[in-house]
């Protein structure tokens, strides 16, 4: 099933079998039924956000594997699940750019403020950043840094798409703030696991 149909299901409560065969010729449907090439800019942006969502899921899975009885990762995992839900909203909005359907959920401005609050909270436990650091550390932290890089790629594609179609400004704000959050989260995970940061040797 294409990512579009995955997005359509929670919005329109469509129940379909996994394979539809409608995309066998290299086309798929946006919300509203507009047929597009699978390699068009809209689908590129949607695909990048889809990959980002999957990477966030992998990051949450790594937190499940952390054997650290001193730390409770529940809050971080709940935040990551909230992010995954928000990324589905982002994907639905990208898929709905060529339709005037008003049933597509909108990204609330508060979700950007929530990320900022989480960043501020984590930074109280972190040393001030005075040098560039190398992405890495524990498996979970390294995945956090890697997910940040994916987020930046998704953001670039969405910005490009925004030059062609009007987009909710909260989408670009959210992706921009999410990349900051993921960077700080990677540092925070290493800090809690007692792993030092490696600085860039110029």
Protein backbone atom coordinates (compact mmCIF):
# COMPACT_ATOMS: atom_id res chain seq x y z
CA UNK A 1 0.00 0.00 0.00
CA UNK A 2 1.39 3.42 -0.91
CA UNK A 3 2.18 6.01 1.74
CA UNK A 4 -0.74 8.07 0.46
CA UNK A 5 -3.24 5.32 1.24
CA UNK A 6 -1.57 4.91 4.62
CA UNK A 7 -2.22 8.59 5.20
CA UNK A 8 -5.75 8.39 3.87
CA UNK A 9 -6.85 5.62 6.20
CA UNK A 10 -6.85 7.62 9.46
CA UNK A 11 -8.29 10.69 7.72
CA UNK A 12 -11.08 9.07 5.76
CA UNK A 13 -11.40 5.73 7.59
CA UNK A 14 -10.78 3.77 4.39
CA UNK A 15 -10.16 0.05 4.85
CA UNK A 16 -8.23 -1.44 1.96
CA UNK A 17 -6.08 -4.45 1.30
CA UNK A 18 -2.32 -3.89 1.38
CA UNK A 19 -1.73 -4.19 -2.34
CA UNK A 20 -3.94 -2.15 -4.67
CA UNK A 21 -2.03 -2.57 -7.99
CA UNK A 22 -3.00 1.01 -8.87
CA UNK A 23 0.62 2.11 -8.61
CA UNK A 24 2.13 -0.57 -10.81
CA UNK A 25 2.61 1.92 -13.63
CA UNK A 26 4.62 4.35 -11.51
CA UNK A 27 1.76 6.65 -10.47
CA UNK A 28 -0.11 7.14 -7.21
CA UNK A 29 -2.91 9.31 -5.83
CA UNK A 30 -2.76 12.34 -3.62
CA UNK A 31 -5.59 13.10 -1.23
CA UNK A 32 -8.57 14.11 -3.36
CA UNK A 33 -7.67 11.63 -6.11
CA UNK A 34 -5.13 13.67 -8.07
CA UNK A 35 -2.85 11.21 -9.90
CA UNK A 36 0.87 11.99 -9.84
CA UNK A 37 4.15 10.32 -10.73
CA UNK A 38 5.74 8.51 -7.80
CA UNK A 39 8.93 10.49 -8.31
CA UNK A 40 7.28 13.93 -8.40
CA UNK A 41 8.28 16.60 -5.88
CA UNK A 42 5.17 16.07 -3.77
CA UNK A 43 5.87 12.36 -3.40
CA UNK A 44 9.55 13.03 -2.72
CA UNK A 45 8.60 15.29 0.20
CA UNK A 46 6.02 12.84 1.51
CA UNK A 47 8.52 10.00 1.22
CA UNK A 48 11.18 11.92 3.13
CA UNK A 49 8.73 12.60 5.96
CA UNK A 50 7.71 8.93 5.89
CA UNK A 51 11.37 7.88 6.24
CA UNK A 52 11.80 10.37 9.07
CA UNK A 53 8.82 8.87 10.87
CA UNK A 54 10.28 5.39 10.51
CA UNK A 55 13.65 6.60 11.83
CA UNK A 56 11.93 8.09 14.89
CA UNK A 57 10.37 4.66 15.47
CA UNK A 58 13.81 3.03 15.29
CA UNK A 59 15.10 5.57 17.82
CA UNK A 60 12.27 4.69 20.21
CA UNK A 61 13.15 1.02 19.74
CA UNK A 62 16.77 1.70 20.70
CA UNK A 63 15.58 3.39 23.90
CA UNK A 64 13.67 0.21 24.71
CA UNK A 65 16.95 -1.70 24.47
CA UNK A 66 18.89 0.56 26.85
CA UNK A 67 19.79 -1.46 29.93
CA UNK A 68 19.91 1.34 32.45
CA UNK A 69 17.92 0.90 35.63
CA UNK A 70 18.93 4.36 36.88
CA UNK A 71 17.06 6.17 34.11
CA UNK A 72 13.43 6.09 33.08
CA UNK A 73 13.06 6.61 29.34
CA UNK A 74 9.24 6.65 29.39
CA UNK A 75 8.94 10.41 28.93
CA UNK A 76 11.33 10.44 25.96
CA UNK A 77 9.54 7.50 24.31
CA UNK A 78 6.16 9.18 24.80
CA UNK A 79 7.54 12.33 23.18
CA UNK A 80 8.81 10.31 20.22
CA UNK A 81 5.38 8.72 19.78
CA UNK A 82 3.82 12.19 19.82
CA UNK A 83 6.32 13.24 17.15
CA UNK A 84 5.34 10.26 15.00
CA UNK A 85 1.69 11.26 15.21
CA UNK A 86 2.58 14.83 14.25
CA UNK A 87 4.60 13.60 11.28
CA UNK A 88 1.52 11.76 10.00
CA UNK A 89 -0.30 15.10 10.12
CA UNK A 90 2.55 16.68 8.18
CA UNK A 91 2.37 13.92 5.57
CA UNK A 92 -1.40 14.28 5.24
CA UNK A 93 -1.02 18.02 4.64
CA UNK A 94 1.65 17.46 2.00
CA UNK A 95 -0.62 14.94 0.30
CA UNK A 96 -3.52 17.39 0.38
CA UNK A 97 -1.85 20.38 -1.26
CA UNK A 98 -3.79 19.95 -4.49
CA UNK A 99 -7.22 19.64 -2.92
CA UNK A 100 -9.52 21.88 -0.93
CA UNK A 101 -10.75 19.09 1.35
CA UNK A 102 -11.07 20.48 4.86
CA UNK A 103 -10.98 17.14 6.65
CA UNK A 104 -7.20 16.94 6.53
CA UNK A 105 -5.95 17.52 10.11
CA UNK A 106 -3.84 20.62 10.69
CA UNK A 107 -0.61 20.83 12.63
CA UNK A 108 -1.30 22.84 15.76
CA UNK A 109 1.07 25.64 16.65
CA UNK A 110 1.42 24.27 20.18
CA UNK A 111 3.40 21.26 18.93
CA UNK A 112 6.27 23.60 17.99
CA UNK A 113 6.18 25.14 21.46
CA UNK A 114 6.16 21.64 22.98
CA UNK A 115 9.40 20.78 21.18
CA UNK A 116 10.97 24.03 22.36
CA UNK A 117 9.97 23.24 25.95
CA UNK A 118 11.52 19.77 25.69
CA UNK A 119 14.72 21.23 24.22
CA UNK A 120 14.96 23.76 27.06
CA UNK A 121 14.37 21.02 29.64
CA UNK A 122 17.08 18.73 28.26
CA UNK A 123 19.59 21.55 27.89
CA UNK A 124 19.47 22.22 31.63
CA UNK A 125 21.24 18.85 32.04
CA UNK A 126 23.83 19.48 29.31
CA UNK A 127 27.11 21.40 29.24
CA UNK A 128 27.14 24.44 27.00
CA UNK A 129 28.16 23.66 23.47
CA UNK A 130 31.39 25.48 22.60
CA UNK A 131 32.67 23.24 19.79
CA UNK A 132 31.25 21.11 17.01
CA UNK A 133 30.72 17.54 18.20
CA UNK A 134 30.82 14.32 16.21
CA UNK A 135 27.50 12.46 15.95
CA UNK A 136 27.76 9.16 17.80
CA UNK A 137 27.99 7.66 21.24
CA UNK A 138 25.53 4.98 22.33
CA UNK A 139 23.34 3.21 19.77
CA UNK A 140 20.32 5.23 20.85
CA UNK A 141 22.19 8.56 20.76
CA UNK A 142 23.75 7.77 17.37
CA UNK A 143 20.29 6.98 16.01
CA UNK A 144 19.10 10.32 17.38
CA UNK A 145 21.83 12.16 15.47
CA UNK A 146 21.13 10.12 12.33
CA UNK A 147 17.41 10.84 12.59
CA UNK A 148 18.26 14.53 12.83
CA UNK A 149 20.11 14.29 9.50
CA UNK A 150 17.06 12.63 7.94
CA UNK A 151 14.90 15.40 9.38
CA UNK A 152 17.08 18.04 7.74
CA UNK A 153 16.76 16.25 4.40
CA UNK A 154 12.98 16.09 4.78
CA UNK A 155 12.94 19.77 5.68
CA UNK A 156 14.91 20.70 2.56
CA UNK A 157 12.46 18.81 0.35
CA UNK A 158 9.44 20.38 2.08
CA UNK A 159 10.93 23.86 1.68
CA UNK A 160 11.37 23.12 -2.03
CA UNK A 161 7.78 21.93 -2.22
CA UNK A 162 6.66 25.10 -0.45
CA UNK A 163 8.05 27.13 -3.33
CA UNK A 164 5.52 25.43 -5.60
CA UNK A 165 2.50 24.99 -3.32
CA UNK A 166 1.21 27.03 -0.38
CA UNK A 167 1.96 25.11 2.83
CA UNK A 168 0.98 25.64 6.43
CA UNK A 169 3.94 27.62 7.88
CA UNK A 170 3.76 25.47 11.01
CA UNK A 171 5.04 22.52 8.96
CA UNK A 172 8.38 24.16 8.17
CA UNK A 173 8.64 25.48 11.71
CA UNK A 174 7.97 22.03 13.11
CA UNK A 175 10.56 20.25 10.99
CA UNK A 176 13.13 22.92 11.76
CA UNK A 177 12.52 22.65 15.50
CA UNK A 178 12.37 18.86 15.33
CA UNK A 179 15.90 18.68 13.94
CA UNK A 180 17.07 20.81 16.88
CA UNK A 181 15.20 18.55 19.28
CA UNK A 182 16.77 15.40 17.83
CA UNK A 183 20.26 16.88 18.08
CA UNK A 184 19.75 17.82 21.73
CA UNK A 185 18.12 14.46 22.40
CA UNK A 186 21.22 12.67 21.07
CA UNK A 187 23.42 14.70 23.44
CA UNK A 188 21.01 14.15 26.33
CA UNK A 189 20.93 10.37 25.82
CA UNK A 190 24.73 10.21 25.85
CA UNK A 191 24.80 12.35 28.98
CA UNK A 192 22.37 10.10 30.82
CA UNK A 193 24.31 7.01 29.76
CA UNK A 194 27.56 8.53 30.95
CA UNK A 195 29.12 8.76 27.49
CA UNK A 196 31.34 11.74 26.73
CA UNK A 197 31.13 13.81 23.57
CA UNK A 198 33.77 13.64 20.85
CA UNK A 199 34.66 17.06 19.49
CA UNK A 200 35.62 17.88 15.93
CA UNK A 201 39.41 18.02 15.58
CA UNK A 202 40.08 20.73 13.02
